[in-house]
């Protein structure tokens, strides 16, 4: 989602740049690299594994809170209690005994800038409002009460970022580690100058319409939207062209280039060719921005390239 948000902000920054610089034409040559957090050596089960995005974000956010609690020096048994199924409820039943743990949670909520602080009273209300259906299993892990609360706060932050660029996220979509077909078509669409249009159509369907990018039907609907022939694309998918390229990109991104986080954008101007995937290597004039960078950050990038690399 961060790359989807970031791309919207890049488009806005390009418009702003042209508004400020009517005598300078800015063209962005995009080079995409298929990526999976798990790299390129999956088991058979991992290849087929799916999960609901909402549940996974809950676990991701719970992991993040757990790391904060460890960094703050909270005792291991307290962390384990808070992160266990029913543990937060038990802690709230004995606030005097679990005072240090509950104070730590409140501190985490403040450090992370949550809209609602995790005071004892707020936590009690929030825990009582959790739907039991939310406490399921995702990717083999139990989703706990702390995960749900952390996930809700994380999703609120994503919603806010999305609203700024007219994206209304649907968190009920299904994910998979290896959406190989959709990323093969990403490379295929580049032949026709349709890569970015296809990427936009696919992302909109996946993130806002509940149509998973890992489903062939979503891929075919997306290519049809941008003017490619779905029958041609399906014939392409029935072969194996670009499949090895996608798997190599998955493997290299994690194993060779040590990419483990949300997408990022690396910019070069006319006289630089730096970055993980460029011939110049790192720190040779490239400018890197996190995937969810705002419009002003990207506008600054373009103006810096103008000032440093244009005559």
C-alpha atoms as a PDB file:
ATOM      1  CA  UNK A   1       0.000   0.000   0.000  1.00  0.00           C
ATOM      2  CA  UNK A   2       2.851   2.407   0.692  1.00  0.00           C
ATOM      3  CA  UNK A   3       4.091   2.192  -2.885  1.00  0.00           C
ATOM      4  CA  UNK A   4       0.554   2.809  -4.154  1.00  0.00           C
ATOM      5  CA  UNK A   5       0.277   5.891  -1.931  1.00  0.00           C
ATOM      6  CA  UNK A   6       3.744   7.035  -2.927  1.00  0.00           C
ATOM      7  CA  UNK A   7       3.025   6.764  -6.634  1.00  0.00           C
ATOM      8  CA  UNK A   8      -0.023   9.002  -6.244  1.00  0.00           C
ATOM      9  CA  UNK A   9       2.179  11.530  -4.460  1.00  0.00           C
ATOM     10  CA  UNK A  10       4.816  11.288  -7.192  1.00  0.00           C
ATOM     11  CA  UNK A  11       2.175  12.087  -9.824  1.00  0.00           C
ATOM     12  CA  UNK A  12       1.082  15.107  -7.785  1.00  0.00           C
ATOM     13  CA  UNK A  13       4.721  16.189  -7.401  1.00  0.00           C
ATOM     14  CA  UNK A  14       5.268  15.983 -11.172  1.00  0.00           C
ATOM     15  CA  UNK A  15       2.275  18.265 -11.723  1.00  0.00           C
ATOM     16  CA  UNK A  16       3.541  20.664  -9.058  1.00  0.00           C
ATOM     17  CA  UNK A  17       7.024  20.662 -10.598  1.00  0.00           C
ATOM     18  CA  UNK A  18       5.670  21.553 -14.031  1.00  0.00           C
ATOM     19  CA  UNK A  19       3.559  24.296 -12.450  1.00  0.00           C
ATOM     20  CA  UNK A  20       6.675  25.794 -10.885  1.00  0.00           C
ATOM     21  CA  UNK A  21       8.959  25.117 -13.862  1.00  0.00           C
ATOM     22  CA  UNK A  22       7.028  25.762 -17.084  1.00  0.00           C
ATOM     23  CA  UNK A  23      10.252  25.752 -19.129  1.00  0.00           C
ATOM     24  CA  UNK A  24      11.450  22.345 -17.873  1.00  0.00           C
ATOM     25  CA  UNK A  25       9.889  19.068 -19.034  1.00  0.00           C
ATOM     26  CA  UNK A  26      10.104  16.229 -16.527  1.00  0.00           C
ATOM     27  CA  UNK A  27       9.874  12.629 -17.715  1.00  0.00           C
ATOM     28  CA  UNK A  28      10.166   9.681 -15.325  1.00  0.00           C
ATOM     29  CA  UNK A  29      11.493   6.398 -16.720  1.00  0.00           C
ATOM     30  CA  UNK A  30      10.148   3.757 -14.316  1.00  0.00           C
ATOM     31  CA  UNK A  31      11.950   0.449 -13.736  1.00  0.00           C
ATOM     32  CA  UNK A  32      10.112  -1.995 -11.482  1.00  0.00           C
ATOM     33  CA  UNK A  33      11.547  -4.995  -9.663  1.00  0.00           C
ATOM     34  CA  UNK A  34       9.141  -7.764  -8.520  1.00  0.00           C
ATOM     35  CA  UNK A  35       9.459  -8.305  -4.779  1.00  0.00           C
ATOM     36  CA  UNK A  36       8.270 -10.704  -2.078  1.00  0.00           C
ATOM     37  CA  UNK A  37       9.100 -10.333   1.604  1.00  0.00           C
ATOM     38  CA  UNK A  38       9.907 -14.048   1.697  1.00  0.00           C
ATOM     39  CA  UNK A  39      12.512 -13.988  -1.075  1.00  0.00           C
ATOM     40  CA  UNK A  40      12.643 -16.611  -3.803  1.00  0.00           C
ATOM     41  CA  UNK A  41      13.048 -20.010  -2.136  1.00  0.00           C
ATOM     42  CA  UNK A  42       9.530 -20.965  -1.011  1.00  0.00           C
ATOM     43  CA  UNK A  43       8.186 -24.304   0.074  1.00  0.00           C
ATOM     44  CA  UNK A  44       5.222 -25.712  -1.843  1.00  0.00           C
ATOM     45  CA  UNK A  45       2.932 -24.626   1.008  1.00  0.00           C
ATOM     46  CA  UNK A  46       4.273 -21.078   0.958  1.00  0.00           C
ATOM     47  CA  UNK A  47       3.643 -20.783  -2.777  1.00  0.00           C
ATOM     48  CA  UNK A  48      -0.058 -21.430  -2.244  1.00  0.00           C
ATOM     49  CA  UNK A  49      -0.523 -19.803   1.159  1.00  0.00           C
ATOM     50  CA  UNK A  50      -3.141 -17.043   1.365  1.00  0.00           C
ATOM     51  CA  UNK A  51      -4.419 -14.870   4.191  1.00  0.00           C
ATOM     52  CA  UNK A  52      -6.683 -11.899   4.755  1.00  0.00           C
ATOM     53  CA  UNK A  53      -4.822  -8.594   4.694  1.00  0.00           C
ATOM     54  CA  UNK A  54      -6.621  -7.297   7.795  1.00  0.00           C
ATOM     55  CA  UNK A  55      -5.513 -10.277   9.890  1.00  0.00           C
ATOM     56  CA  UNK A  56      -1.938 -10.029   8.662  1.00  0.00           C
ATOM     57  CA  UNK A  57      -1.752  -6.316   9.451  1.00  0.00           C
ATOM     58  CA  UNK A  58      -2.924  -7.127  12.969  1.00  0.00           C
ATOM     59  CA  UNK A  59      -0.053  -9.570  13.470  1.00  0.00           C
ATOM     60  CA  UNK A  60       2.442  -7.200  11.807  1.00  0.00           C
ATOM     61  CA  UNK A  61       1.373  -4.357  14.101  1.00  0.00           C
ATOM     62  CA  UNK A  62       1.421  -6.652  17.135  1.00  0.00           C
ATOM     63  CA  UNK A  63       4.990  -7.691  16.274  1.00  0.00           C
ATOM     64  CA  UNK A  64       5.942  -4.033  16.097  1.00  0.00           C
ATOM     65  CA  UNK A  65       4.438  -3.287  19.519  1.00  0.00           C
ATOM     66  CA  UNK A  66       6.234  -6.318  20.949  1.00  0.00           C
ATOM     67  CA  UNK A  67       9.565  -4.984  19.654  1.00  0.00           C
ATOM     68  CA  UNK A  68       8.872  -1.643  21.324  1.00  0.00           C
ATOM     69  CA  UNK A  69       8.089  -3.361  24.621  1.00  0.00           C
ATOM     70  CA  UNK A  70      11.372  -5.298  24.484  1.00  0.00           C
ATOM     71  CA  UNK A  71      13.308  -2.126  23.650  1.00  0.00           C
ATOM     72  CA  UNK A  72      11.739  -0.422  26.666  1.00  0.00           C
ATOM     73  CA  UNK A  73      13.076  -3.203  28.899  1.00  0.00           C
ATOM     74  CA  UNK A  74       9.752  -4.758  29.894  1.00  0.00           C
ATOM     75  CA  UNK A  75      10.297  -8.189  31.432  1.00  0.00           C
ATOM     76  CA  UNK A  76       9.910 -11.113  29.046  1.00  0.00           C
ATOM     77  CA  UNK A  77       7.088 -12.702  31.034  1.00  0.00           C
ATOM     78  CA  UNK A  78       5.126  -9.437  30.898  1.00  0.00           C
ATOM     79  CA  UNK A  79       5.600  -9.183  27.137  1.00  0.00           C
ATOM     80  CA  UNK A  80       4.514 -12.786  26.678  1.00  0.00           C
ATOM     81  CA  UNK A  81       1.406 -12.164  28.777  1.00  0.00           C
ATOM     82  CA  UNK A  82       0.333  -9.105  26.806  1.00  0.00           C
ATOM     83  CA  UNK A  83       0.923 -10.821  23.463  1.00  0.00           C
ATOM     84  CA  UNK A  84      -0.865 -14.069  24.343  1.00  0.00           C
ATOM     85  CA  UNK A  85      -4.501 -14.844  23.519  1.00  0.00           C
ATOM     86  CA  UNK A  86      -6.506 -13.477  26.466  1.00  0.00           C
ATOM     87  CA  UNK A  87      -3.378 -12.046  28.099  1.00  0.00           C
ATOM     88  CA  UNK A  88      -4.311  -8.396  27.744  1.00  0.00           C
ATOM     89  CA  UNK A  89      -7.701  -9.123  29.320  1.00  0.00           C
ATOM     90  CA  UNK A  90      -5.983 -10.821  32.266  1.00  0.00           C
ATOM     91  CA  UNK A  91      -3.613  -7.889  32.701  1.00  0.00           C
ATOM     92  CA  UNK A  92      -6.535  -5.468  32.765  1.00  0.00           C
ATOM     93  CA  UNK A  93      -8.242  -7.562  35.456  1.00  0.00           C
ATOM     94  CA  UNK A  94      -5.284  -6.979  37.788  1.00  0.00           C
ATOM     95  CA  UNK A  95      -3.944  -3.489  36.940  1.00  0.00           C
ATOM     96  CA  UNK A  96      -1.962  -3.198  40.199  1.00  0.00           C
ATOM     97  CA  UNK A  97      -0.101  -6.431  39.566  1.00  0.00           C
ATOM     98  CA  UNK A  98       0.444  -5.680  35.885  1.00  0.00           C
ATOM     99  CA  UNK A  99       0.980  -1.942  36.298  1.00  0.00           C
ATOM    100  CA  UNK A 100       4.398  -1.824  34.630  1.00  0.00           C
ATOM    101  CA  UNK A 101       3.096  -3.663  31.560  1.00  0.00           C
ATOM    102  CA  UNK A 102       0.060  -1.409  31.191  1.00  0.00           C
ATOM    103  CA  UNK A 103       2.156   1.730  31.641  1.00  0.00           C
ATOM    104  CA  UNK A 104       4.486   0.439  28.916  1.00  0.00           C
ATOM    105  CA  UNK A 105       1.550  -0.041  26.540  1.00  0.00           C
ATOM    106  CA  UNK A 106       0.418   3.541  27.152  1.00  0.00           C
ATOM    107  CA  UNK A 107       3.942   4.740  26.413  1.00  0.00           C
ATOM    108  CA  UNK A 108       4.001   2.736  23.171  1.00  0.00           C
ATOM    109  CA  UNK A 109       0.724   4.315  22.047  1.00  0.00           C
ATOM    110  CA  UNK A 110       2.190   7.782  22.644  1.00  0.00           C
ATOM    111  CA  UNK A 111       5.496   7.030  20.893  1.00  0.00           C
ATOM    112  CA  UNK A 112       3.665   5.693  17.861  1.00  0.00           C
ATOM    113  CA  UNK A 113       1.252   8.607  17.785  1.00  0.00           C
ATOM    114  CA  UNK A 114      -1.953   6.587  18.059  1.00  0.00           C
ATOM    115  CA  UNK A 115      -5.110   8.689  17.913  1.00  0.00           C
ATOM    116  CA  UNK A 116      -6.314   7.117  21.174  1.00  0.00           C
ATOM    117  CA  UNK A 117      -3.899   6.547  24.057  1.00  0.00           C
ATOM    118  CA  UNK A 118      -3.751   3.070  25.546  1.00  0.00           C
ATOM    119  CA  UNK A 119      -4.714   4.049  29.061  1.00  0.00           C
ATOM    120  CA  UNK A 120      -6.254   1.353  31.260  1.00  0.00           C
ATOM    121  CA  UNK A 121      -9.774   2.719  30.765  1.00  0.00           C
ATOM    122  CA  UNK A 122      -9.357   3.067  27.000  1.00  0.00           C
ATOM    123  CA  UNK A 123      -7.898  -0.437  26.731  1.00  0.00           C
ATOM    124  CA  UNK A 124     -10.766  -1.942  28.693  1.00  0.00           C
ATOM    125  CA  UNK A 125     -13.311  -0.322  26.409  1.00  0.00           C
ATOM    126  CA  UNK A 126     -11.397  -1.333  23.283  1.00  0.00           C
ATOM    127  CA  UNK A 127     -10.912  -4.954  24.368  1.00  0.00           C
ATOM    128  CA  UNK A 128     -14.607  -5.316  25.182  1.00  0.00           C
ATOM    129  CA  UNK A 129     -15.403  -4.090  21.671  1.00  0.00           C
ATOM    130  CA  UNK A 130     -13.327  -6.751  19.883  1.00  0.00           C
ATOM    131  CA  UNK A 131     -15.347  -9.093  17.696  1.00  0.00           C
ATOM    132  CA  UNK A 132     -14.440 -12.704  18.587  1.00  0.00           C
ATOM    133  CA  UNK A 133     -14.237 -13.445  14.859  1.00  0.00           C
ATOM    134  CA  UNK A 134     -11.148 -11.208  14.732  1.00  0.00           C
ATOM    135  CA  UNK A 135      -9.281 -13.585  17.052  1.00  0.00           C
ATOM    136  CA  UNK A 136      -8.557 -16.233  14.476  1.00  0.00           C
ATOM    137  CA  UNK A 137      -5.451 -17.699  12.902  1.00  0.00           C
ATOM    138  CA  UNK A 138      -3.425 -15.976  10.199  1.00  0.00           C
ATOM    139  CA  UNK A 139      -0.455 -17.657   8.510  1.00  0.00           C
ATOM    140  CA  UNK A 140      -0.421 -20.216  11.305  1.00  0.00           C
ATOM    141  CA  UNK A 141      -0.275 -17.606  14.081  1.00  0.00           C
ATOM    142  CA  UNK A 142      -3.030 -16.814  16.591  1.00  0.00           C
ATOM    143  CA  UNK A 143      -4.362 -13.260  16.339  1.00  0.00           C
ATOM    144  CA  UNK A 144      -4.547 -11.850  19.877  1.00  0.00           C
ATOM    145  CA  UNK A 145      -6.389  -8.939  21.473  1.00  0.00           C
ATOM    146  CA  UNK A 146      -3.207  -6.849  21.479  1.00  0.00           C
ATOM    147  CA  UNK A 147      -2.724  -7.630  17.780  1.00  0.00           C
ATOM    148  CA  UNK A 148      -6.241  -6.425  16.957  1.00  0.00           C
ATOM    149  CA  UNK A 149      -5.820  -3.145  18.836  1.00  0.00           C
ATOM    150  CA  UNK A 150      -2.383  -2.518  17.321  1.00  0.00           C
ATOM    151  CA  UNK A 151      -3.712  -3.468  13.888  1.00  0.00           C
ATOM    152  CA  UNK A 152      -6.668  -1.106  14.207  1.00  0.00           C
ATOM    153  CA  UNK A 153      -4.305   1.765  15.024  1.00  0.00           C
ATOM    154  CA  UNK A 154      -2.003   0.835  12.133  1.00  0.00           C
ATOM    155  CA  UNK A 155      -4.927   0.649   9.707  1.00  0.00           C
ATOM    156  CA  UNK A 156      -6.176   4.029  10.884  1.00  0.00           C
ATOM    157  CA  UNK A 157      -2.787   5.452   9.924  1.00  0.00           C
ATOM    158  CA  UNK A 158      -2.957   3.828   6.485  1.00  0.00           C
ATOM    159  CA  UNK A 159      -6.483   5.141   5.976  1.00  0.00           C
ATOM    160  CA  UNK A 160      -5.292   8.656   6.769  1.00  0.00           C
ATOM    161  CA  UNK A 161      -2.396   8.390   4.309  1.00  0.00           C
ATOM    162  CA  UNK A 162      -4.781   6.983   1.710  1.00  0.00           C
ATOM    163  CA  UNK A 163      -7.369   9.714   2.144  1.00  0.00           C
ATOM    164  CA  UNK A 164      -4.745  12.322   1.295  1.00  0.00           C
ATOM    165  CA  UNK A 165      -4.462  10.811  -2.208  1.00  0.00           C
ATOM    166  CA  UNK A 166      -8.079   9.624  -2.673  1.00  0.00           C
ATOM    167  CA  UNK A 167      -7.429   5.958  -1.824  1.00  0.00           C
ATOM    168  CA  UNK A 168     -10.060   4.180   0.274  1.00  0.00           C
ATOM    169  CA  UNK A 169      -8.414   0.952   1.441  1.00  0.00           C
ATOM    170  CA  UNK A 170     -10.369  -2.307   1.700  1.00  0.00           C
ATOM    171  CA  UNK A 171      -8.562  -4.457   4.280  1.00  0.00           C
ATOM    172  CA  UNK A 172     -10.645  -7.575   3.628  1.00  0.00           C
ATOM    173  CA  UNK A 173      -8.746  -8.533   0.470  1.00  0.00           C
ATOM    174  CA  UNK A 174      -6.770 -11.800   0.332  1.00  0.00           C
ATOM    175  CA  UNK A 175      -2.977 -11.756   0.004  1.00  0.00           C
ATOM    176  CA  UNK A 176      -0.348 -14.277  -0.964  1.00  0.00           C
ATOM    177  CA  UNK A 177       3.440 -14.224  -0.718  1.00  0.00           C
ATOM    178  CA  UNK A 178       4.038 -14.897  -4.410  1.00  0.00           C
ATOM    179  CA  UNK A 179       1.617 -13.235  -6.880  1.00  0.00           C
ATOM    180  CA  UNK A 180       3.792 -14.462  -9.748  1.00  0.00           C
ATOM    181  CA  UNK A 181       1.236 -14.136 -12.533  1.00  0.00           C
ATOM    182  CA  UNK A 182       0.413 -10.514 -11.791  1.00  0.00           C
ATOM    183  CA  UNK A 183       4.105  -9.640 -11.762  1.00  0.00           C
ATOM    184  CA  UNK A 184       4.854 -11.576 -14.935  1.00  0.00           C
ATOM    185  CA  UNK A 185       2.184  -9.435 -16.589  1.00  0.00           C
ATOM    186  CA  UNK A 186       3.828  -6.339 -15.117  1.00  0.00           C
ATOM    187  CA  UNK A 187       6.897  -7.190 -17.221  1.00  0.00           C
ATOM    188  CA  UNK A 188       4.751  -8.160 -20.219  1.00  0.00           C
ATOM    189  CA  UNK A 189       2.834  -4.868 -20.146  1.00  0.00           C
ATOM    190  CA  UNK A 190       6.085  -2.930 -20.423  1.00  0.00           C
ATOM    191  CA  UNK A 191       6.402  -4.142 -24.020  1.00  0.00           C
ATOM    192  CA  UNK A 192       3.361  -2.065 -24.914  1.00  0.00           C
ATOM    193  CA  UNK A 193       4.109   0.998 -22.818  1.00  0.00           C
ATOM    194  CA  UNK A 194       1.290  -0.020 -20.466  1.00  0.00           C
ATOM    195  CA  UNK A 195       3.218  -1.097 -17.379  1.00  0.00           C
ATOM    196  CA  UNK A 196       2.300   1.823 -15.160  1.00  0.00           C
ATOM    197  CA  UNK A 197      -1.319   1.948 -16.304  1.00  0.00           C
ATOM    198  CA  UNK A 198      -1.622  -1.778 -15.581  1.00  0.00           C
ATOM    199  CA  UNK A 199       0.082  -1.386 -12.197  1.00  0.00           C
ATOM    200  CA  UNK A 200      -2.394   1.364 -11.289  1.00  0.00           C
ATOM    201  CA  UNK A 201      -5.401  -0.686 -12.384  1.00  0.00           C
ATOM    202  CA  UNK A 202      -4.170  -3.758 -10.507  1.00  0.00           C
ATOM    203  CA  UNK A 203      -3.398  -1.807  -7.328  1.00  0.00           C
ATOM    204  CA  UNK A 204      -6.786  -0.068  -7.347  1.00  0.00           C
ATOM    205  CA  UNK A 205      -8.620  -3.388  -7.694  1.00  0.00           C
ATOM    206  CA  UNK A 206      -6.478  -5.086  -5.074  1.00  0.00           C
ATOM    207  CA  UNK A 207      -6.315  -2.393  -2.408  1.00  0.00           C
ATOM    208  CA  UNK A 208      -9.736  -0.747  -2.775  1.00  0.00           C
ATOM    209  CA  UNK A 209     -12.082  -3.226  -4.474  1.00  0.00           C
ATOM    210  CA  UNK A 210     -11.310  -6.502  -2.700  1.00  0.00           C
ATOM    211  CA  UNK A 211     -10.066  -8.194  -5.891  1.00  0.00           C
ATOM    212  CA  UNK A 212      -6.867 -10.004  -4.987  1.00  0.00           C
ATOM    213  CA  UNK A 213      -3.843  -9.352  -7.199  1.00  0.00           C
ATOM    214  CA  UNK A 214      -2.948 -13.028  -6.880  1.00  0.00           C
ATOM    215  CA  UNK A 215      -6.070 -14.058  -8.819  1.00  0.00           C
ATOM    216  CA  UNK A 216      -5.863 -14.456 -12.582  1.00  0.00           C
ATOM    217  CA  UNK A 217      -9.317 -12.909 -12.980  1.00  0.00           C
ATOM    218  CA  UNK A 218      -8.064  -9.686 -11.365  1.00  0.00           C
ATOM    219  CA  UNK A 219      -5.054  -9.624 -13.674  1.00  0.00           C
ATOM    220  CA  UNK A 220      -7.213 -10.101 -16.786  1.00  0.00           C
ATOM    221  CA  UNK A 221      -9.702  -7.424 -15.724  1.00  0.00           C
ATOM    222  CA  UNK A 222      -6.805  -5.030 -15.140  1.00  0.00           C
ATOM    223  CA  UNK A 223      -5.187  -5.577 -18.534  1.00  0.00           C
ATOM    224  CA  UNK A 224      -8.515  -5.161 -20.293  1.00  0.00           C
ATOM    225  CA  UNK A 225      -9.006  -1.852 -18.500  1.00  0.00           C
ATOM    226  CA  UNK A 226      -5.746  -0.488 -19.946  1.00  0.00           C
ATOM    227  CA  UNK A 227      -6.384  -1.674 -23.500  1.00  0.00           C
ATOM    228  CA  UNK A 228      -4.477  -4.956 -23.626  1.00  0.00           C
ATOM    229  CA  UNK A 229      -6.180  -8.054 -25.012  1.00  0.00           C
ATOM    230  CA  UNK A 230      -7.159 -10.421 -22.154  1.00  0.00           C
ATOM    231  CA  UNK A 231      -7.036 -13.417 -24.511  1.00  0.00           C
ATOM    232  CA  UNK A 232      -3.455 -12.597 -25.478  1.00  0.00           C
ATOM    233  CA  UNK A 233      -2.509 -12.135 -21.830  1.00  0.00           C
ATOM    234  CA  UNK A 234      -4.108 -15.420 -20.811  1.00  0.00           C
ATOM    235  CA  UNK A 235      -2.198 -17.202 -23.568  1.00  0.00           C
ATOM    236  CA  UNK A 236       0.963 -15.558 -22.256  1.00  0.00           C
ATOM    237  CA  UNK A 237       0.185 -16.705 -18.701  1.00  0.00           C
ATOM    238  CA  UNK A 238      -0.381 -20.260 -19.873  1.00  0.00           C
ATOM    239  CA  UNK A 239       3.272 -20.301 -20.893  1.00  0.00           C
ATOM    240  CA  UNK A 240       6.271 -19.624 -18.689  1.00  0.00           C
ATOM    241  CA  UNK A 241       7.776 -16.450 -20.154  1.00  0.00           C
ATOM    242  CA  UNK A 242       9.142 -14.098 -17.462  1.00  0.00           C
ATOM    243  CA  UNK A 243       8.425 -16.643 -14.724  1.00  0.00           C
ATOM    244  CA  UNK A 244      12.131 -17.252 -14.087  1.00  0.00           C
ATOM    245  CA  UNK A 245      12.729 -13.483 -14.149  1.00  0.00           C
ATOM    246  CA  UNK A 246      10.133 -12.898 -11.439  1.00  0.00           C
ATOM    247  CA  UNK A 247      11.515 -15.644  -9.198  1.00  0.00           C
ATOM    248  CA  UNK A 248      15.055 -14.328  -9.681  1.00  0.00           C
ATOM    249  CA  UNK A 249      13.911 -10.839  -8.745  1.00  0.00           C
ATOM    250  CA  UNK A 250      12.255 -12.191  -5.583  1.00  0.00           C
ATOM    251  CA  UNK A 251      15.433 -14.012  -4.630  1.00  0.00           C
ATOM    252  CA  UNK A 252      17.872 -11.212  -5.472  1.00  0.00           C
ATOM    253  CA  UNK A 253      15.894  -8.452  -3.758  1.00  0.00           C
ATOM    254  CA  UNK A 254      16.118 -10.219  -0.383  1.00  0.00           C
ATOM    255  CA  UNK A 255      19.268 -12.319  -0.708  1.00  0.00           C
ATOM    256  CA  UNK A 256      21.497 -10.083  -2.820  1.00  0.00           C
ATOM    257  CA  UNK A 257      20.227  -6.566  -2.164  1.00  0.00           C
ATOM    258  CA  UNK A 258      18.993  -7.079   1.421  1.00  0.00           C
ATOM    259  CA  UNK A 259      15.579  -5.502   0.794  1.00  0.00           C
ATOM    260  CA  UNK A 260      13.199  -6.427   3.627  1.00  0.00           C
ATOM    261  CA  UNK A 261      10.975  -3.398   4.098  1.00  0.00           C
ATOM    262  CA  UNK A 262       8.168  -1.503   2.388  1.00  0.00           C
ATOM    263  CA  UNK A 263       8.829  -0.385  -1.206  1.00  0.00           C
ATOM    264  CA  UNK A 264      11.071   2.583  -1.799  1.00  0.00           C
ATOM    265  CA  UNK A 265      11.726   4.816  -4.773  1.00  0.00           C
ATOM    266  CA  UNK A 266      15.219   5.556  -6.020  1.00  0.00           C
ATOM    267  CA  UNK A 267      15.631   8.535  -8.350  1.00  0.00           C
ATOM    268  CA  UNK A 268      18.459   9.325 -10.734  1.00  0.00           C
ATOM    269  CA  UNK A 269      18.921  12.285 -13.013  1.00  0.00           C
ATOM    270  CA  UNK A 270      20.598  12.544 -16.414  1.00  0.00           C
ATOM    271  CA  UNK A 271      24.128  12.164 -15.035  1.00  0.00           C
ATOM    272  CA  UNK A 272      23.673   9.589 -12.244  1.00  0.00           C
ATOM    273  CA  UNK A 273      22.958   5.860 -12.228  1.00  0.00           C
ATOM    274  CA  UNK A 274      23.013   4.922  -8.569  1.00  0.00           C
ATOM    275  CA  UNK A 275      21.090   2.599  -6.286  1.00  0.00           C
ATOM    276  CA  UNK A 276      20.775  -1.096  -5.526  1.00  0.00           C
ATOM    277  CA  UNK A 277      19.721  -2.024  -9.039  1.00  0.00           C
ATOM    278  CA  UNK A 278      21.840   0.389 -11.087  1.00  0.00           C
ATOM    279  CA  UNK A 279      25.332   0.110 -12.483  1.00  0.00           C
ATOM    280  CA  UNK A 280      26.690   2.990 -10.422  1.00  0.00           C
ATOM    281  CA  UNK A 281      26.078   1.279  -7.090  1.00  0.00           C
ATOM    282  CA  UNK A 282      25.057   2.914  -3.848  1.00  0.00           C
ATOM    283  CA  UNK A 283      25.729   6.540  -2.916  1.00  0.00           C
ATOM    284  CA  UNK A 284      26.639   7.697  -6.407  1.00  0.00           C
ATOM    285  CA  UNK A 285      24.124  10.502  -6.792  1.00  0.00           C
ATOM    286  CA  UNK A 286      20.822   8.657  -6.411  1.00  0.00           C
ATOM    287  CA  UNK A 287      18.083   9.945  -4.090  1.00  0.00           C
ATOM    288  CA  UNK A 288      15.937   7.407  -2.207  1.00  0.00           C
ATOM    289  CA  UNK A 289      12.525   8.066  -0.641  1.00  0.00           C
ATOM    290  CA  UNK A 290      10.354   5.637   1.353  1.00  0.00           C
ATOM    291  CA  UNK A 291       7.343   4.284  -0.478  1.00  0.00           C
ATOM    292  CA  UNK A 292       4.785   6.417   1.331  1.00  0.00           C
ATOM    293  CA  UNK A 293       6.701   9.677   0.952  1.00  0.00           C
ATOM    294  CA  UNK A 294       4.525  12.771   0.657  1.00  0.00           C
ATOM    295  CA  UNK A 295       4.169  15.067  -2.326  1.00  0.00           C
ATOM    296  CA  UNK A 296       6.577  17.693  -0.995  1.00  0.00           C
ATOM    297  CA  UNK A 297       9.307  15.097  -0.494  1.00  0.00           C
ATOM    298  CA  UNK A 298       9.067  13.995  -4.113  1.00  0.00           C
ATOM    299  CA  UNK A 299       8.847  17.576  -5.358  1.00  0.00           C
ATOM    300  CA  UNK A 300      12.067  18.316  -3.459  1.00  0.00           C
ATOM    301  CA  UNK A 301      13.707  15.334  -5.222  1.00  0.00           C
ATOM    302  CA  UNK A 302      12.797  16.669  -8.666  1.00  0.00           C
ATOM    303  CA  UNK A 303      13.948  20.190  -7.829  1.00  0.00           C
ATOM    304  CA  UNK A 304      17.209  18.879  -6.412  1.00  0.00           C
ATOM    305  CA  UNK A 305      17.890  16.926  -9.613  1.00  0.00           C
ATOM    306  CA  UNK A 306      17.061  20.051 -11.595  1.00  0.00           C
ATOM    307  CA  UNK A 307      19.506  22.116  -9.579  1.00  0.00           C
ATOM    308  CA  UNK A 308      22.333  19.570  -9.418  1.00  0.00           C
ATOM    309  CA  UNK A 309      22.168  17.768 -12.778  1.00  0.00           C
ATOM    310  CA  UNK A 310      20.684  20.122 -15.362  1.00  0.00           C
ATOM    311  CA  UNK A 311      22.737  22.768 -17.102  1.00  0.00           C
END
